[in-house]
C-alpha atoms as a PDB file:
ATOM      1  CA  MET A   1      18.956  -2.809  -3.822  1.00  0.00           C
ATOM      2  CA  LYS A   2      17.604  -5.992  -2.483  1.00  0.00           C
ATOM      3  CA  ASP A   3      14.351  -4.444  -3.186  1.00  0.00           C
ATOM      4  CA  TYR A   4      15.455  -3.855  -6.964  1.00  0.00           C
ATOM      5  CA  LEU A   5      16.368  -7.428  -7.043  1.00  0.00           C
ATOM      6  CA  GLN A   6      12.874  -8.443  -5.651  1.00  0.00           C
ATOM      7  CA  GLU A   7      11.426  -6.152  -8.341  1.00  0.00           C
ATOM      8  CA  THR A   8      13.207  -7.985 -11.327  1.00  0.00           C
ATOM      9  CA  LYS A   9      11.730 -11.529  -9.740  1.00  0.00           C
ATOM     10  CA  LYS A  10       8.388 -10.009  -9.755  1.00  0.00           C
ATOM     11  CA  CYS A  11       8.904  -8.836 -13.330  1.00  0.00           C
ATOM     12  CA  LEU A  12       9.886 -12.525 -14.191  1.00  0.00           C
ATOM     13  CA  GLU A  13       7.156 -14.138 -12.125  1.00  0.00           C
ATOM     14  CA  GLY A  14       4.455 -11.963 -14.378  1.00  0.00           C
ATOM     15  CA  TYR A  15       6.323 -12.541 -17.568  1.00  0.00           C
ATOM     16  CA  LYS A  16       4.419 -15.476 -18.707  1.00  0.00           C
ATOM     17  CA  ALA A  17       0.847 -13.853 -18.067  1.00  0.00           C
ATOM     18  CA  ASN A  18       2.127 -10.326 -19.462  1.00  0.00           C
ATOM     19  CA  LYS A  19       3.023 -12.036 -22.598  1.00  0.00           C
ATOM     20  CA  ASP A  20      -0.202 -14.391 -22.958  1.00  0.00           C
ATOM     21  CA  MET A  21      -2.039 -10.967 -22.361  1.00  0.00           C
ATOM     22  CA  LEU A  22      -0.073  -9.339 -25.226  1.00  0.00           C
ATOM     23  CA  GLU A  23      -0.935 -12.203 -27.810  1.00  0.00           C
ATOM     24  CA  SER A  24      -4.538 -12.054 -26.543  1.00  0.00           C
ATOM     25  CA  ASN A  25      -4.953  -8.467 -27.101  1.00  0.00           C
ATOM     26  CA  ILE A  26      -2.932  -8.325 -30.842  1.00  0.00           C
ATOM     27  CA  LYS A  27      -5.789 -11.221 -31.569  1.00  0.00           C
ATOM     28  CA  LEU A  28      -8.625  -9.387 -30.148  1.00  0.00           C
ATOM     29  CA  LEU A  29      -7.592  -5.845 -32.111  1.00  0.00           C
ATOM     30  CA  LYS A  30      -7.034  -7.602 -35.169  1.00  0.00           C
ATOM     31  CA  LYS A  31     -10.526  -9.087 -34.949  1.00  0.00           C
ATOM     32  CA  LEU A  32     -11.888  -5.689 -33.894  1.00  0.00           C
ATOM     33  CA  LYS A  33     -10.465  -4.147 -37.071  1.00  0.00           C
ATOM     34  CA  GLU A  34     -11.617  -7.106 -39.457  1.00  0.00           C
ATOM     35  CA  ASN A  35     -15.072  -6.801 -38.007  1.00  0.00           C
ATOM     36  CA  ARG A  36     -14.779  -3.079 -38.682  1.00  0.00           C
ATOM     37  CA  LYS A  37     -13.930  -3.769 -42.290  1.00  0.00           C
ATOM     38  CA  ASN A  38     -16.295  -6.489 -42.872  1.00  0.00           C
ATOM     39  CA  ARG A  39     -19.069  -4.701 -41.375  1.00  0.00           C
ATOM     40  CA  VAL A  40     -22.270  -4.304 -43.699  1.00  0.00           C
ATOM     41  CA  GLU A  41     -24.480  -1.758 -42.811  1.00  0.00           C
ATOM     42  CA  GLY A  42     -27.419  -2.895 -40.546  1.00  0.00           C
ATOM     43  CA  GLU A  43     -25.481  -5.404 -38.925  1.00  0.00           C
ATOM     44  CA  THR A  44     -25.210  -3.486 -35.812  1.00  0.00           C
ATOM     45  CA  GLY A  45     -29.257  -3.400 -35.671  1.00  0.00           C
ATOM     46  CA  VAL A  46     -29.369   0.417 -36.562  1.00  0.00           C
ATOM     47  CA  THR A  47     -29.521   1.174 -40.620  1.00  0.00           C
ATOM     48  CA  GLY A  48     -28.305   4.181 -42.397  1.00  0.00           C
ATOM     49  CA  ILE A  49     -31.695   5.776 -42.765  1.00  0.00           C
ATOM     50  CA  ARG A  50     -33.306   5.417 -39.376  1.00  0.00           C
ATOM     51  CA  TYR A  51     -31.342   7.072 -36.739  1.00  0.00           C
ATOM     52  CA  ASP A  52     -32.355   7.193 -33.065  1.00  0.00           C
ATOM     53  CA  VAL A  53     -31.575  10.170 -31.692  1.00  0.00           C
ATOM     54  CA  VAL A  54     -30.014  11.027 -28.309  1.00  0.00           C
ATOM     55  CA  LEU A  55     -30.016  13.884 -26.642  1.00  0.00           C
ATOM     56  CA  VAL A  56     -26.282  14.635 -24.965  1.00  0.00           C
ATOM     57  CA  LYS A  57     -25.658  17.420 -22.302  1.00  0.00           C
ATOM     58  CA  ASN A  58     -25.033  20.069 -24.596  1.00  0.00           C
ATOM     59  CA  ASN A  59     -28.064  19.467 -26.482  1.00  0.00           C
ATOM     60  CA  LYS A  60     -26.533  18.011 -29.455  1.00  0.00           C
ATOM     61  CA  VAL A  61     -28.024  15.573 -31.468  1.00  0.00           C
ATOM     62  CA  THR A  62     -25.987  12.027 -31.841  1.00  0.00           C
ATOM     63  CA  SER A  63     -27.048   8.894 -33.138  1.00  0.00           C
ATOM     64  CA  LYS A  64     -26.653   5.266 -32.080  1.00  0.00           C
ATOM     65  CA  VAL A  65     -24.337   4.861 -34.973  1.00  0.00           C
ATOM     66  CA  GLU A  66     -22.103   7.492 -33.924  1.00  0.00           C
ATOM     67  CA  GLU A  67     -22.138   6.258 -30.306  1.00  0.00           C
ATOM     68  CA  ILE A  68     -21.124   2.836 -31.528  1.00  0.00           C
ATOM     69  CA  ALA A  69     -18.307   4.008 -34.014  1.00  0.00           C
ATOM     70  CA  ILE A  70     -16.867   6.345 -31.004  1.00  0.00           C
ATOM     71  CA  LYS A  71     -16.673   3.286 -28.731  1.00  0.00           C
ATOM     72  CA  ASN A  72     -15.503   1.077 -30.781  1.00  0.00           C
ATOM     73  CA  ALA A  73     -12.705   3.605 -32.333  1.00  0.00           C
ATOM     74  CA  GLN A  74     -11.824   4.432 -28.555  1.00  0.00           C
ATOM     75  CA  LEU A  75     -11.658   0.667 -27.889  1.00  0.00           C
ATOM     76  CA  GLU A  76      -9.212   0.033 -30.566  1.00  0.00           C
ATOM     77  CA  LEU A  77      -6.741   2.841 -29.286  1.00  0.00           C
ATOM     78  CA  ASP A  78      -6.921   1.699 -25.832  1.00  0.00           C
ATOM     79  CA  LEU A  79      -6.148  -1.778 -27.027  1.00  0.00           C
ATOM     80  CA  GLU A  80      -3.195  -0.293 -29.168  1.00  0.00           C
ATOM     81  CA  GLU A  81      -1.720   1.327 -26.146  1.00  0.00           C
ATOM     82  CA  LYS A  82      -1.920  -1.546 -24.010  1.00  0.00           C
ATOM     83  CA  ILE A  83      -0.066  -3.596 -26.949  1.00  0.00           C
ATOM     84  CA  GLU A  84       2.756  -1.039 -27.184  1.00  0.00           C
ATOM     85  CA  ALA A  85       3.137  -1.002 -23.395  1.00  0.00           C
ATOM     86  CA  LEU A  86       3.025  -4.850 -22.612  1.00  0.00           C
ATOM     87  CA  SER A  87       5.360  -5.038 -26.127  1.00  0.00           C
ATOM     88  CA  TYR A  88       7.947  -2.838 -24.721  1.00  0.00           C
ATOM     89  CA  TYR A  89       7.776  -4.853 -21.013  1.00  0.00           C
ATOM     90  CA  VAL A  90       8.193  -8.124 -22.729  1.00  0.00           C
ATOM     91  CA  ASN A  91      10.913  -7.290 -25.364  1.00  0.00           C
ATOM     92  CA  ARG A  92      12.905  -5.463 -22.760  1.00  0.00           C
ATOM     93  CA  ILE A  93      12.604  -8.472 -20.680  1.00  0.00           C
ATOM     94  CA  ASP A  94      13.342 -10.622 -23.566  1.00  0.00           C
ATOM     95  CA  MET A  95      16.746  -8.976 -24.526  1.00  0.00           C
ATOM     96  CA  GLY A  96      17.858  -8.522 -21.192  1.00  0.00           C
ATOM     97  CA  LEU A  97      17.890 -12.496 -21.016  1.00  0.00           C
ATOM     98  CA  GLU A  98      19.489 -12.963 -24.046  1.00  0.00           C
ATOM     99  CA  GLU A  99      22.493 -10.953 -22.847  1.00  0.00           C
ATOM    100  CA  ILE A 100      23.041 -12.892 -19.520  1.00  0.00           C
ATOM    101  CA  LYS A 101      24.837 -16.181 -19.548  1.00  0.00           C
ATOM    102  CA  PRO A 102      23.012 -19.081 -21.148  1.00  0.00           C
ATOM    103  CA  VAL A 103      22.869 -20.941 -17.791  1.00  0.00           C
ATOM    104  CA  TRP A 104      21.587 -18.310 -15.775  1.00  0.00           C
ATOM    105  CA  LYS A 105      18.679 -17.761 -18.212  1.00  0.00           C
ATOM    106  CA  GLU A 106      17.900 -21.173 -18.205  1.00  0.00           C
ATOM    107  CA  VAL A 107      17.430 -21.150 -14.266  1.00  0.00           C
ATOM    108  CA  LEU A 108      15.537 -18.036 -14.475  1.00  0.00           C
ATOM    109  CA  VAL A 109      13.296 -19.027 -16.991  1.00  0.00           C
ATOM    110  CA  LEU A 110      12.417 -22.747 -15.347  1.00  0.00           C
ATOM    111  CA  LYS A 111      12.190 -20.976 -12.194  1.00  0.00           C
ATOM    112  CA  PHE A 112      10.444 -17.804 -12.258  1.00  0.00           C
ATOM    113  CA  ILE A 113       8.901 -17.598 -15.865  1.00  0.00           C
ATOM    114  CA  GLU A 114       7.996 -21.137 -15.958  1.00  0.00           C
ATOM    115  CA  GLY A 115       7.304 -21.641 -12.355  1.00  0.00           C
ATOM    116  CA  TYR A 116       8.651 -25.035 -11.665  1.00  0.00           C
ATOM    117  CA  THR A 117       9.956 -26.185  -8.426  1.00  0.00           C
ATOM    118  CA  TRP A 118      13.717 -26.160  -7.481  1.00  0.00           C
ATOM    119  CA  GLU A 119      13.881 -29.956  -7.713  1.00  0.00           C
ATOM    120  CA  TYR A 120      12.613 -29.817 -10.937  1.00  0.00           C
ATOM    121  CA  THR A 121      14.959 -27.036 -12.177  1.00  0.00           C
ATOM    122  CA  GLU A 122      18.194 -28.714 -10.934  1.00  0.00           C
ATOM    123  CA  ARG A 123      17.227 -31.937 -12.658  1.00  0.00           C
ATOM    124  CA  LYS A 124      16.603 -30.120 -15.678  1.00  0.00           C
ATOM    125  CA  VAL A 125      19.581 -28.179 -15.711  1.00  0.00           C
ATOM    126  CA  GLY A 126      21.760 -30.948 -14.073  1.00  0.00           C
ATOM    127  CA  LEU A 127      23.402 -28.951 -11.062  1.00  0.00           C
ATOM    128  CA  SER A 128      22.765 -28.813  -7.555  1.00  0.00           C
ATOM    129  CA  GLU A 129      20.049 -26.660  -5.731  1.00  0.00           C
ATOM    130  CA  SER A 130      22.404 -24.802  -4.408  1.00  0.00           C
ATOM    131  CA  THR A 131      24.087 -24.040  -7.776  1.00  0.00           C
ATOM    132  CA  CYS A 132      20.876 -23.421  -9.282  1.00  0.00           C
ATOM    133  CA  LYS A 133      20.168 -20.886  -6.367  1.00  0.00           C
ATOM    134  CA  ARG A 134      23.319 -19.159  -6.879  1.00  0.00           C
ATOM    135  CA  TYR A 135      22.826 -19.031 -10.510  1.00  0.00           C
ATOM    136  CA  ALA A 136      19.363 -17.561 -10.287  1.00  0.00           C
ATOM    137  CA  LYS A 137      20.899 -14.928  -7.846  1.00  0.00           C
ATOM    138  CA  ASP A 138      23.622 -14.154 -10.148  1.00  0.00           C
ATOM    139  CA  GLY A 139      21.202 -14.188 -12.962  1.00  0.00           C
ATOM    140  CA  ILE A 140      18.525 -11.852 -11.395  1.00  0.00           C
ATOM    141  CA  LYS A 141      21.361  -9.430 -10.574  1.00  0.00           C
ATOM    142  CA  ALA A 142      22.682  -9.456 -14.116  1.00  0.00           C
ATOM    143  CA  LEU A 143      18.947  -8.969 -15.536  1.00  0.00           C
ATOM    144  CA  ALA A 144      18.404  -6.355 -13.190  1.00  0.00           C
ATOM    145  CA  ASP A 145      21.610  -4.553 -14.324  1.00  0.00           C
ATOM    146  CA  LYS A 146      20.464  -5.102 -18.154  1.00  0.00           C
ATOM    147  CA  LEU A 147      16.872  -3.674 -17.611  1.00  0.00           C
ATOM    148  CA  ALA A 148      17.898  -0.442 -15.931  1.00  0.00           C
ATOM    149  CA  GLY A 149      21.543  -0.158 -15.519  1.00  0.00           C
ATOM    150  CA  GLN A 150      23.680  -0.828 -12.536  1.00  0.00           C
ATOM    151  CA  LYS A 151      23.199   3.104 -11.484  1.00  0.00           C
ATOM    152  CA  SER A 152      19.380   3.415 -11.995  1.00  0.00           C
ATOM    153  CA  TYR A 153      17.891   1.149  -9.500  1.00  0.00           C
ATOM    154  CA  ILE A 154      14.963   2.903  -8.689  1.00  0.00           C
ATOM    155  CA  ASP A 155      13.537   2.290 -12.673  1.00  0.00           C
ATOM    156  CA  LEU A 156      12.137  -1.102 -12.664  1.00  0.00           C
ATOM    157  CA  PRO A 157       9.116  -0.282 -10.038  1.00  0.00           C
ATOM    158  CA  LEU A 158       8.607   2.729 -12.551  1.00  0.00           C
ATOM    159  CA  PHE A 159       9.228   0.531 -15.596  1.00  0.00           C
ATOM    160  CA  ARG A 160       6.671  -2.048 -14.127  1.00  0.00           C
ATOM    161  CA  ASP A 161       4.191   0.529 -13.089  1.00  0.00           C
ATOM    162  CA  ILE A 162       4.373   3.336 -15.449  1.00  0.00           C
ATOM    163  CA  TYR A 163       4.116   0.759 -18.772  1.00  0.00           C
ATOM    164  CA  LEU A 164       1.939  -1.931 -17.328  1.00  0.00           C
ATOM    165  CA  GLY A 165       0.026   0.214 -14.610  1.00  0.00           C
ATOM    166  CA  GLN A 166      -0.159  -3.037 -12.639  1.00  0.00           C
ATOM    167  CA  VAL A 167       1.745  -6.072 -13.211  1.00  0.00           C
ATOM    168  CA  VAL A 168      -0.367  -9.339 -13.863  1.00  0.00           C
ATOM    169  CA  GLY A 169      -0.342 -11.846 -10.900  1.00  0.00           C
ATOM    170  CA  GLU A 170       0.253  -9.306  -8.106  1.00  0.00           C
END
C-alpha cells in the first residue's frame, strides 16, 4: 500500500506539467486544424498541377502532396489521442481532489502540485507543519482511494503508465 501512496504522490507532482501539456496540445491541434482549413493551393510549395513523383517500396507512385497530407492527418490523430489520455488523467485527479476534505486538498495542492515548501504551506493554511504533514498523508490516502478504490491498489501505476506512457517530470 505504501508504494501505491507514493504513486499517488507522483501523480500529484506531475499534475501541473501534464495539465500544461494538455493545454499546449489542444492549442497545437486547433492551430493545425485551422491551418488545414485556411490553406490555399501552393502554400506548401507543391502546386496542384505539378507532382513530384516518389517511388515507394511497393512500386506505387505517390506525390509529395499526398505524403504531406498523410503526415499531417497522422499528427492530428496522434495529438487527439494524447489529448484524450491527458484529459482523462487530469479530470480524474481533479474529481478525486474535489471529493476529499477541503483542507486536505489545499495542503496537497500547495505542497505537491504547486511545489511549495512545508514552511510556506503551513503559513498559507494557518496550521503547524506536523498538522500539514498529517493532512497531506491523510489527503494522499483519501485521493488514492478515490482514484482507484480501496481494493485496487495496483491500478494507479497502470493508470499513470497506460494513459500517459510516461508521466512528465519523472
